[in-house]
PDB file of all heavy atoms in Angstrom:
ATOM      1  N   ALA A   1      85.459  95.324 138.914  1.00  0.00           N
ATOM      2  CA  ALA A   1      86.667  95.985 139.259  1.00  0.00           C
ATOM      3  C   ALA A   1      87.228  97.076 138.366  1.00  0.00           C
ATOM      4  O   ALA A   1      87.768  98.239 138.906  1.00  0.00           O
ATOM      5  CB  ALA A   1      87.799  94.847 139.376  1.00  0.00           C
ATOM      6  N   SER A   2      87.088  96.896 137.151  1.00  0.00           N
ATOM      7  CA  SER A   2      87.402  97.923 136.216  1.00  0.00           C
ATOM      8  C   SER A   2      86.690  99.268 136.216  1.00  0.00           C
ATOM      9  O   SER A   2      87.223 100.328 136.199  1.00  0.00           O
ATOM     10  CB  SER A   2      87.339  97.383 134.705  1.00  0.00           C
ATOM     11  OG  SER A   2      87.590  98.399 133.787  1.00  0.00           O
ATOM     12  N   ARG A   3      85.359  99.000 136.501  1.00  0.00           N
ATOM     13  CA  ARG A   3      84.522 100.224 136.576  1.00  0.00           C
ATOM     14  C   ARG A   3      84.617 100.855 137.832  1.00  0.00           C
ATOM     15  O   ARG A   3      84.578 102.186 137.922  1.00  0.00           O
ATOM     16  CB  ARG A   3      83.126  99.812 136.399  1.00  0.00           C
ATOM     17  CG  ARG A   3      82.815  99.277 134.929  1.00  0.00           C
ATOM     18  CD  ARG A   3      81.383  98.997 134.579  1.00  0.00           C
ATOM     19  NE  ARG A   3      81.209  98.666 133.256  1.00  0.00           N
ATOM     20  CZ  ARG A   3      80.106  98.210 132.634  1.00  0.00           C
ATOM     21  NH1 ARG A   3      78.964  98.035 133.420  1.00  0.00           N
ATOM     22  NH2 ARG A   3      80.070  97.962 131.403  1.00  0.00           N
ATOM     23  N   LEU A   4      84.931 100.094 139.042  1.00  0.00           N
ATOM     24  CA  LEU A   4      85.217 100.746 140.251  1.00  0.00           C
ATOM     25  C   LEU A   4      86.654 101.614 140.246  1.00  0.00           C
ATOM     26  O   LEU A   4      86.659 102.695 140.649  1.00  0.00           O
ATOM     27  CB  LEU A   4      85.220  99.843 141.435  1.00  0.00           C
ATOM     28  CG  LEU A   4      83.933  99.201 141.827  1.00  0.00           C
ATOM     29  CD1 LEU A   4      84.106  98.246 143.007  1.00  0.00           C
ATOM     30  CD2 LEU A   4      82.942 100.260 142.143  1.00  0.00           C
ATOM     31  N   SER A   5      87.508 101.091 139.521  1.00  0.00           N
ATOM     32  CA  SER A   5      88.909 101.682 139.285  1.00  0.00           C
ATOM     33  C   SER A   5      88.602 102.974 138.502  1.00  0.00           C
ATOM     34  O   SER A   5      89.280 104.009 138.967  1.00  0.00           O
ATOM     35  CB  SER A   5      89.904 100.796 138.739  1.00  0.00           C
ATOM     36  OG  SER A   5      90.123  99.608 139.477  1.00  0.00           O
ATOM     37  N   GLU A   6      87.805 102.936 137.581  1.00  0.00           N
ATOM     38  CA  GLU A   6      87.548 104.092 136.810  1.00  0.00           C
ATOM     39  C   GLU A   6      86.833 105.213 137.641  1.00  0.00           C
ATOM     40  O   GLU A   6      87.016 106.375 137.708  1.00  0.00           O
ATOM     41  CB  GLU A   6      86.599 103.890 135.607  1.00  0.00           C
ATOM     42  CG  GLU A   6      86.234 105.018 134.799  1.00  0.00           C
ATOM     43  CD  GLU A   6      87.367 105.974 134.272  1.00  0.00           C
ATOM     44  OE1 GLU A   6      88.594 105.208 133.937  1.00  0.00           O
ATOM     45  OE2 GLU A   6      87.173 107.159 134.091  1.00  0.00           O
ATOM     46  N   ALA A   7      85.914 104.737 138.572  1.00  0.00           N
ATOM     47  CA  ALA A   7      85.245 105.602 139.530  1.00  0.00           C
ATOM     48  C   ALA A   7      86.177 106.348 140.426  1.00  0.00           C
ATOM     49  O   ALA A   7      86.052 107.529 140.730  1.00  0.00           O
ATOM     50  CB  ALA A   7      84.176 104.952 140.477  1.00  0.00           C
ATOM     51  N   VAL A   8      87.275 105.520 140.933  1.00  0.00           N
ATOM     52  CA  VAL A   8      88.335 106.148 141.599  1.00  0.00           C
ATOM     53  C   VAL A   8      89.101 107.230 140.912  1.00  0.00           C
ATOM     54  O   VAL A   8      89.329 108.246 141.409  1.00  0.00           O
ATOM     55  CB  VAL A   8      89.384 105.050 142.190  1.00  0.00           C
ATOM     56  CG1 VAL A   8      90.523 105.611 142.817  1.00  0.00           C
ATOM     57  CG2 VAL A   8      88.640 104.016 143.073  1.00  0.00           C
ATOM     58  N   ARG A   9      89.434 106.952 139.620  1.00  0.00           N
ATOM     59  CA  ARG A   9      90.249 107.911 138.823  1.00  0.00           C
ATOM     60  C   ARG A   9      89.313 109.162 138.537  1.00  0.00           C
ATOM     61  O   ARG A   9      89.856 110.288 138.572  1.00  0.00           O
ATOM     62  CB  ARG A   9      90.525 107.228 137.466  1.00  0.00           C
ATOM     63  CG  ARG A   9      91.788 106.248 137.670  1.00  0.00           C
ATOM     64  CD  ARG A   9      92.398 105.782 136.336  1.00  0.00           C
ATOM     65  NE  ARG A   9      91.317 105.048 135.563  1.00  0.00           N
ATOM     66  CZ  ARG A   9      91.122 103.721 135.525  1.00  0.00           C
ATOM     67  NH1 ARG A   9      92.060 103.020 136.503  1.00  0.00           N
ATOM     68  NH2 ARG A   9      90.329 103.102 134.837  1.00  0.00           N
ATOM     69  N   SER A  10      88.139 108.936 138.299  1.00  0.00           N
ATOM     70  CA  SER A  10      87.199 110.123 138.097  1.00  0.00           C
ATOM     71  C   SER A  10      86.680 110.811 139.223  1.00  0.00           C
ATOM     72  O   SER A  10      85.698 111.634 139.169  1.00  0.00           O
ATOM     73  CB  SER A  10      86.029 109.682 137.079  1.00  0.00           C
ATOM     74  OG  SER A  10      85.278 108.600 137.783  1.00  0.00           O
ATOM     75  N   ARG A  11      87.076 110.451 140.403  1.00  0.00           N
ATOM     76  CA  ARG A  11      86.637 110.906 141.717  1.00  0.00           C
ATOM     77  C   ARG A  11      85.272 110.775 141.985  1.00  0.00           C
ATOM     78  O   ARG A  11      84.463 111.617 142.472  1.00  0.00           O
ATOM     79  CB  ARG A  11      87.149 112.353 142.008  1.00  0.00           C
ATOM     80  CG  ARG A  11      88.607 112.502 141.887  1.00  0.00           C
ATOM     81  CD  ARG A  11      88.988 113.851 142.319  1.00  0.00           C
ATOM     82  NE  ARG A  11      90.525 113.990 142.439  1.00  0.00           N
ATOM     83  CZ  ARG A  11      91.188 115.086 142.707  1.00  0.00           C
ATOM     84  NH1 ARG A  11      90.572 116.243 142.956  1.00  0.00           N
ATOM     85  NH2 ARG A  11      92.427 115.001 142.925  1.00  0.00           N
ATOM     86  N   LYS A  12      84.590 109.608 141.446  1.00  0.00           N
ATOM     87  CA  LYS A  12      83.179 109.270 141.831  1.00  0.00           C
ATOM     88  C   LYS A  12      83.110 108.250 142.801  1.00  0.00           C
ATOM     89  O   LYS A  12      82.141 107.671 143.275  1.00  0.00           O
ATOM     90  CB  LYS A  12      82.439 108.890 140.522  1.00  0.00           C
ATOM     91  CG  LYS A  12      82.397 109.875 139.498  1.00  0.00           C
ATOM     92  CD  LYS A  12      81.689 109.345 138.197  1.00  0.00           C
ATOM     93  CE  LYS A  12      81.583 110.416 137.029  1.00  0.00           C
ATOM     94  NZ  LYS A  12      80.992 109.881 135.840  1.00  0.00           N
ATOM     95  N   PHE A  13      84.218 107.940 143.473  1.00  0.00           N
ATOM     96  CA  PHE A  13      84.263 106.981 144.603  1.00  0.00           C
ATOM     97  C   PHE A  13      84.558 107.833 145.880  1.00  0.00           C
ATOM     98  O   PHE A  13      85.717 108.395 146.079  1.00  0.00           O
ATOM     99  CB  PHE A  13      85.492 106.016 144.307  1.00  0.00           C
ATOM    100  CG  PHE A  13      85.676 104.813 145.150  1.00  0.00           C
ATOM    101  CD1 PHE A  13      85.427 103.542 144.670  1.00  0.00           C
ATOM    102  CD2 PHE A  13      85.982 104.916 146.550  1.00  0.00           C
ATOM    103  CE1 PHE A  13      85.452 102.468 145.476  1.00  0.00           C
ATOM    104  CE2 PHE A  13      86.097 103.869 147.239  1.00  0.00           C
ATOM    105  CZ  PHE A  13      85.865 102.534 146.773  1.00  0.00           C
ATOM    106  N   ASP A  14      83.526 107.930 146.666  1.00  0.00           N
ATOM    107  CA  ASP A  14      83.588 108.809 147.814  1.00  0.00           C
ATOM    108  C   ASP A  14      84.003 108.083 149.078  1.00  0.00           C
ATOM    109  O   ASP A  14      83.426 106.908 149.365  1.00  0.00           O
ATOM    110  CB  ASP A  14      82.140 109.428 148.037  1.00  0.00           C
ATOM    111  CG  ASP A  14      81.740 110.382 146.971  1.00  0.00           C
ATOM    112  OD1 ASP A  14      82.641 111.065 146.392  1.00  0.00           O
ATOM    113  OD2 ASP A  14      80.629 110.468 146.607  1.00  0.00           O
ATOM    114  N   LYS A  15      84.918 108.632 149.880  1.00  0.00           N
ATOM    115  CA  LYS A  15      85.379 108.059 151.156  1.00  0.00           C
ATOM    116  C   LYS A  15      85.328 109.072 152.227  1.00  0.00           C
ATOM    117  O   LYS A  15      85.869 110.141 151.964  1.00  0.00           O
ATOM    118  CB  LYS A  15      86.640 107.316 150.907  1.00  0.00           C
ATOM    119  CG  LYS A  15      86.693 106.086 150.020  1.00  0.00           C
ATOM    120  CD  LYS A  15      88.124 105.612 149.851  1.00  0.00           C
ATOM    121  CE  LYS A  15      89.126 106.571 149.107  1.00  0.00           C
ATOM    122  NZ  LYS A  15      90.278 105.979 148.795  1.00  0.00           N
ATOM    123  N   SER A  16      84.743 108.672 153.275  1.00  0.00           N
ATOM    124  CA  SER A  16      84.799 109.625 154.442  1.00  0.00           C
ATOM    125  C   SER A  16      85.244 108.924 155.664  1.00  0.00           C
ATOM    126  O   SER A  16      84.725 107.725 155.909  1.00  0.00           O
ATOM    127  CB  SER A  16      83.460 110.338 154.682  1.00  0.00           C
ATOM    128  OG  SER A  16      83.481 111.249 155.693  1.00  0.00           O
ATOM    129  N   TYR A  17      86.148 109.521 156.530  1.00  0.00           N
ATOM    130  CA  TYR A  17      86.677 108.903 157.655  1.00  0.00           C
ATOM    131  C   TYR A  17      86.360 109.721 158.923  1.00  0.00           C
ATOM    132  O   TYR A  17      86.121 110.966 158.848  1.00  0.00           O
ATOM    133  CB  TYR A  17      88.194 108.764 157.541  1.00  0.00           C
ATOM    134  CG  TYR A  17      88.603 107.974 156.355  1.00  0.00           C
ATOM    135  CD1 TYR A  17      88.665 108.481 155.108  1.00  0.00           C
ATOM    136  CD2 TYR A  17      89.045 106.702 156.550  1.00  0.00           C
ATOM    137  CE1 TYR A  17      89.077 107.586 154.113  1.00  0.00           C
ATOM    138  CE2 TYR A  17      89.566 105.958 155.553  1.00  0.00           C
ATOM    139  CZ  TYR A  17      89.459 106.453 154.213  1.00  0.00           C
ATOM    140  OH  TYR A  17      89.882 105.605 153.240  1.00  0.00           O
ATOM    141  N   MET A  18      86.399 109.079 160.051  1.00  0.00           N
ATOM    142  CA  MET A  18      86.426 109.702 161.360  1.00  0.00           C
ATOM    143  C   MET A  18      87.768 109.491 162.018  1.00  0.00           C
ATOM    144  O   MET A  18      88.287 108.444 161.739  1.00  0.00           O
ATOM    145  CB  MET A  18      85.287 109.087 162.272  1.00  0.00           C
ATOM    146  CG  MET A  18      83.997 109.327 161.876  1.00  0.00           C
ATOM    147  SD  MET A  18      83.656 111.220 162.307  1.00  0.00           S
ATOM    148  CE  MET A  18      81.733 111.233 162.287  1.00  0.00           C
ATOM    149  N   ALA A  19      88.217 110.382 162.630  1.00  0.00           N
ATOM    150  CA  ALA A  19      89.622 110.403 163.250  1.00  0.00           C
ATOM    151  C   ALA A  19      89.516 111.137 164.590  1.00  0.00           C
ATOM    152  O   ALA A  19      88.833 112.171 164.682  1.00  0.00           O
ATOM    153  CB  ALA A  19      90.723 110.840 162.454  1.00  0.00           C
ATOM    154  N   VAL A  20      90.179 110.668 165.597  1.00  0.00           N
ATOM    155  CA  VAL A  20      90.407 111.424 166.841  1.00  0.00           C
ATOM    156  C   VAL A  20      91.781 111.799 166.764  1.00  0.00           C
ATOM    157  O   VAL A  20      92.776 111.006 166.741  1.00  0.00           O
ATOM    158  CB  VAL A  20      90.176 110.583 168.019  1.00  0.00           C
ATOM    159  CG1 VAL A  20      90.384 111.415 169.323  1.00  0.00           C
ATOM    160  CG2 VAL A  20      88.700 110.048 168.128  1.00  0.00           C
ATOM    161  N   VAL A  21      92.113 113.165 166.847  1.00  0.00           N
ATOM    162  CA  VAL A  21      93.451 113.749 166.799  1.00  0.00           C
ATOM    163  C   VAL A  21      93.906 114.378 168.140  1.00  0.00           C
ATOM    164  O   VAL A  21      93.046 114.753 168.940  1.00  0.00           O
ATOM    165  CB  VAL A  21      93.615 114.818 165.662  1.00  0.00           C
ATOM    166  CG1 VAL A  21      93.204 114.087 164.361  1.00  0.00           C
ATOM    167  CG2 VAL A  21      92.703 116.041 165.923  1.00  0.00           C
ATOM    168  N   ARG A  22      95.147 114.469 168.288  1.00  0.00           N
ATOM    169  CA  ARG A  22      95.657 115.098 169.490  1.00  0.00           C
ATOM    170  C   ARG A  22      95.677 116.687 169.315  1.00  0.00           C
ATOM    171  O   ARG A  22      96.006 117.126 168.183  1.00  0.00           O
ATOM    172  CB  ARG A  22      97.166 114.746 169.680  1.00  0.00           C
ATOM    173  CG  ARG A  22      97.377 113.188 169.968  1.00  0.00           C
ATOM    174  CD  ARG A  22      96.922 112.854 171.426  1.00  0.00           C
ATOM    175  NE  ARG A  22      97.288 111.456 171.802  1.00  0.00           N
ATOM    176  CZ  ARG A  22      97.105 111.004 172.911  1.00  0.00           C
ATOM    177  NH1 ARG A  22      96.673 111.624 173.910  1.00  0.00           N
ATOM    178  NH2 ARG A  22      97.395 109.705 173.244  1.00  0.00           N
ATOM    179  N   GLY A  23      95.202 117.256 170.217  1.00  0.00           N
ATOM    180  CA  GLY A  23      95.046 118.843 170.068  1.00  0.00           C
ATOM    181  C   GLY A  23      93.748 119.255 169.425  1.00  0.00           C
ATOM    182  O   GLY A  23      92.895 118.390 169.203  1.00  0.00           O
ATOM    183  N   ILE A  24      93.773 120.533 169.097  1.00  0.00           N
ATOM    184  CA  ILE A  24      92.686 121.128 168.342  1.00  0.00           C
ATOM    185  C   ILE A  24      93.208 121.766 167.002  1.00  0.00           C
ATOM    186  O   ILE A  24      93.996 122.749 167.176  1.00  0.00           O
ATOM    187  CB  ILE A  24      91.905 122.146 169.264  1.00  0.00           C
ATOM    188  CG1 ILE A  24      91.355 121.416 170.492  1.00  0.00           C
ATOM    189  CG2 ILE A  24      90.788 122.764 168.408  1.00  0.00           C
ATOM    190  CD1 ILE A  24      90.731 122.371 171.531  1.00  0.00           C
ATOM    191  N   PRO A  25      92.849 121.356 165.842  1.00  0.00           N
ATOM    192  CA  PRO A  25      93.275 122.022 164.548  1.00  0.00           C
ATOM    193  C   PRO A  25      93.071 123.511 164.639  1.00  0.00           C
ATOM    194  O   PRO A  25      92.003 124.001 165.296  1.00  0.00           O
ATOM    195  CB  PRO A  25      92.464 121.308 163.539  1.00  0.00           C
ATOM    196  CG  PRO A  25      92.077 120.038 164.100  1.00  0.00           C
ATOM    197  CD  PRO A  25      91.973 120.216 165.593  1.00  0.00           C
ATOM    198  N   GLY A  26      93.860 124.318 164.063  1.00  0.00           N
ATOM    199  CA  GLY A  26      93.780 125.744 164.159  1.00  0.00           C
ATOM    200  C   GLY A  26      92.446 126.260 163.453  1.00  0.00           C
ATOM    201  O   GLY A  26      92.092 127.347 163.898  1.00  0.00           O
ATOM    202  N   LYS A  27      92.037 125.564 162.503  1.00  0.00           N
ATOM    203  CA  LYS A  27      90.689 125.949 162.000  1.00  0.00           C
ATOM    204  C   LYS A  27      89.584 124.816 162.156  1.00  0.00           C
ATOM    205  O   LYS A  27      90.002 123.694 162.126  1.00  0.00           O
ATOM    206  CB  LYS A  27      90.931 126.210 160.432  1.00  0.00           C
ATOM    207  CG  LYS A  27      91.718 127.352 160.117  1.00  0.00           C
ATOM    208  CD  LYS A  27      91.892 127.535 158.563  1.00  0.00           C
ATOM    209  CE  LYS A  27      92.872 128.822 158.238  1.00  0.00           C
ATOM    210  NZ  LYS A  27      92.880 128.911 156.792  1.00  0.00           N
ATOM    211  N   GLN A  28      88.344 125.329 162.306  1.00  0.00           N
ATOM    212  CA  GLN A  28      87.343 124.199 162.593  1.00  0.00           C
ATOM    213  C   GLN A  28      86.957 123.385 161.261  1.00  0.00           C
ATOM    214  O   GLN A  28      86.614 122.325 161.375  1.00  0.00           O
ATOM    215  CB  GLN A  28      85.907 124.948 162.928  1.00  0.00           C
ATOM    216  CG  GLN A  28      86.006 125.489 164.321  1.00  0.00           C
ATOM    217  CD  GLN A  28      86.056 124.317 165.355  1.00  0.00           C
ATOM    218  OE1 GLN A  28      87.187 123.993 166.062  1.00  0.00           O
ATOM    219  NE2 GLN A  28      84.954 123.639 165.471  1.00  0.00           N
ATOM    220  N   SER A  29      87.382 123.919 160.098  1.00  0.00           N
ATOM    221  CA  SER A  29      87.262 123.213 158.934  1.00  0.00           C
ATOM    222  C   SER A  29      88.204 123.760 157.853  1.00  0.00           C
ATOM    223  O   SER A  29      88.592 124.935 157.968  1.00  0.00           O
ATOM    224  CB  SER A  29      85.819 123.235 158.369  1.00  0.00           C
ATOM    225  OG  SER A  29      85.481 124.576 157.942  1.00  0.00           O
ATOM    226  N   GLY A  30      88.567 122.939 156.937  1.00  0.00           N
ATOM    227  CA  GLY A  30      89.564 123.466 155.940  1.00  0.00           C
ATOM    228  C   GLY A  30      89.950 122.325 154.918  1.00  0.00           C
ATOM    229  O   GLY A  30      89.479 121.222 155.030  1.00  0.00           O
ATOM    230  N   ARG A  31      91.080 122.748 154.228  1.00  0.00           N
ATOM    231  CA  ARG A  31      91.472 121.712 153.224  1.00  0.00           C
ATOM    232  C   ARG A  31      93.072 121.646 153.437  1.00  0.00           C
ATOM    233  O   ARG A  31      93.711 122.707 153.592  1.00  0.00           O
ATOM    234  CB  ARG A  31      91.220 122.200 151.814  1.00  0.00           C
ATOM    235  CG  ARG A  31      91.979 121.413 150.722  1.00  0.00           C
ATOM    236  CD  ARG A  31      91.517 121.619 149.435  1.00  0.00           C
ATOM    237  NE  ARG A  31      89.934 121.154 149.156  1.00  0.00           N
ATOM    238  CZ  ARG A  31      89.350 121.076 148.021  1.00  0.00           C
ATOM    239  NH1 ARG A  31      89.980 121.613 146.969  1.00  0.00           N
ATOM    240  NH2 ARG A  31      88.111 120.624 147.987  1.00  0.00           N
ATOM    241  N   LEU A  32      93.565 120.479 153.580  1.00  0.00           N
ATOM    242  CA  LEU A  32      94.964 120.343 153.659  1.00  0.00           C
ATOM    243  C   LEU A  32      95.488 119.809 152.313  1.00  0.00           C
ATOM    244  O   LEU A  32      94.999 118.790 151.785  1.00  0.00           O
ATOM    245  CB  LEU A  32      95.340 119.272 154.793  1.00  0.00           C
ATOM    246  CG  LEU A  32      94.867 119.502 156.204  1.00  0.00           C
ATOM    247  CD1 LEU A  32      95.263 118.369 157.128  1.00  0.00           C
ATOM    248  CD2 LEU A  32      95.374 120.905 156.705  1.00  0.00           C
ATOM    249  N   THR A  33      96.470 120.494 151.921  1.00  0.00           N
ATOM    250  CA  THR A  33      97.219 120.093 150.466  1.00  0.00           C
ATOM    251  C   THR A  33      98.662 120.045 150.808  1.00  0.00           C
ATOM    252  O   THR A  33      99.376 121.013 151.220  1.00  0.00           O
ATOM    253  CB  THR A  33      96.905 121.150 149.419  1.00  0.00           C
ATOM    254  OG1 THR A  33      95.445 121.157 149.288  1.00  0.00           O
ATOM    255  CG2 THR A  33      97.463 120.737 148.168  1.00  0.00           C
ATOM    256  N   ASP A  34      99.216 118.816 150.578  1.00  0.00           N
ATOM    257  CA  ASP A  34     100.654 118.617 150.785  1.00  0.00           C
ATOM    258  C   ASP A  34     101.181 117.769 149.577  1.00  0.00           C
ATOM    259  O   ASP A  34     100.526 117.095 148.890  1.00  0.00           O
ATOM    260  CB  ASP A  34     100.968 117.896 152.080  1.00  0.00           C
ATOM    261  CG  ASP A  34     100.426 118.765 153.307  1.00  0.00           C
ATOM    262  OD1 ASP A  34     101.204 119.740 153.602  1.00  0.00           O
ATOM    263  OD2 ASP A  34      99.440 118.361 153.973  1.00  0.00           O
ATOM    264  N   PHE A  35     102.461 117.693 149.542  1.00  0.00           N
ATOM    265  CA  PHE A  35     103.239 116.704 148.642  1.00  0.00           C
ATOM    266  C   PHE A  35     103.905 115.686 149.533  1.00  0.00           C
ATOM    267  O   PHE A  35     104.643 116.040 150.497  1.00  0.00           O
ATOM    268  CB  PHE A  35     104.095 117.417 147.717  1.00  0.00           C
ATOM    269  CG  PHE A  35     103.533 118.236 146.554  1.00  0.00           C
ATOM    270  CD1 PHE A  35     103.056 119.502 146.891  1.00  0.00           C
ATOM    271  CD2 PHE A  35     103.153 117.658 145.442  1.00  0.00           C
ATOM    272  CE1 PHE A  35     102.282 120.208 145.983  1.00  0.00           C
ATOM    273  CE2 PHE A  35     102.461 118.385 144.437  1.00  0.00           C
ATOM    274  CZ  PHE A  35     102.044 119.606 144.725  1.00  0.00           C
ATOM    275  N   LEU A  36     103.614 114.462 149.262  1.00  0.00           N
ATOM    276  CA  LEU A  36     104.117 113.398 150.013  1.00  0.00           C
ATOM    277  C   LEU A  36     105.066 112.502 149.276  1.00  0.00           C
ATOM    278  O   LEU A  36     104.827 112.243 148.077  1.00  0.00           O
ATOM    279  CB  LEU A  36     102.950 112.423 150.524  1.00  0.00           C
ATOM    280  CG  LEU A  36     101.795 113.211 151.291  1.00  0.00           C
ATOM    281  CD1 LEU A  36     100.738 112.195 151.743  1.00  0.00           C
ATOM    282  CD2 LEU A  36     102.334 113.969 152.402  1.00  0.00           C
ATOM    283  N   LEU A  37     106.094 112.065 150.008  1.00  0.00           N
ATOM    284  CA  LEU A  37     107.149 111.162 149.499  1.00  0.00           C
ATOM    285  C   LEU A  37     107.224 109.872 150.277  1.00  0.00           C
ATOM    286  O   LEU A  37     107.346 109.965 151.573  1.00  0.00           O
ATOM    287  CB  LEU A  37     108.440 111.884 149.480  1.00  0.00           C
ATOM    288  CG  LEU A  37     109.593 110.921 148.822  1.00  0.00           C
ATOM    289  CD1 LEU A  37     109.323 110.852 147.273  1.00  0.00           C
ATOM    290  CD2 LEU A  37     110.879 111.706 149.089  1.00  0.00           C
TER     291      LEU A  37
END
């Protein structure tokens, strides 16, 4: 658990998702950066 948590912090823990979204995003690929509360 400790070593996996460290992998998360050091961004060595890779996660990829599939999603079906409404509409078509404006760009075929890109990066979304926001601040969330």
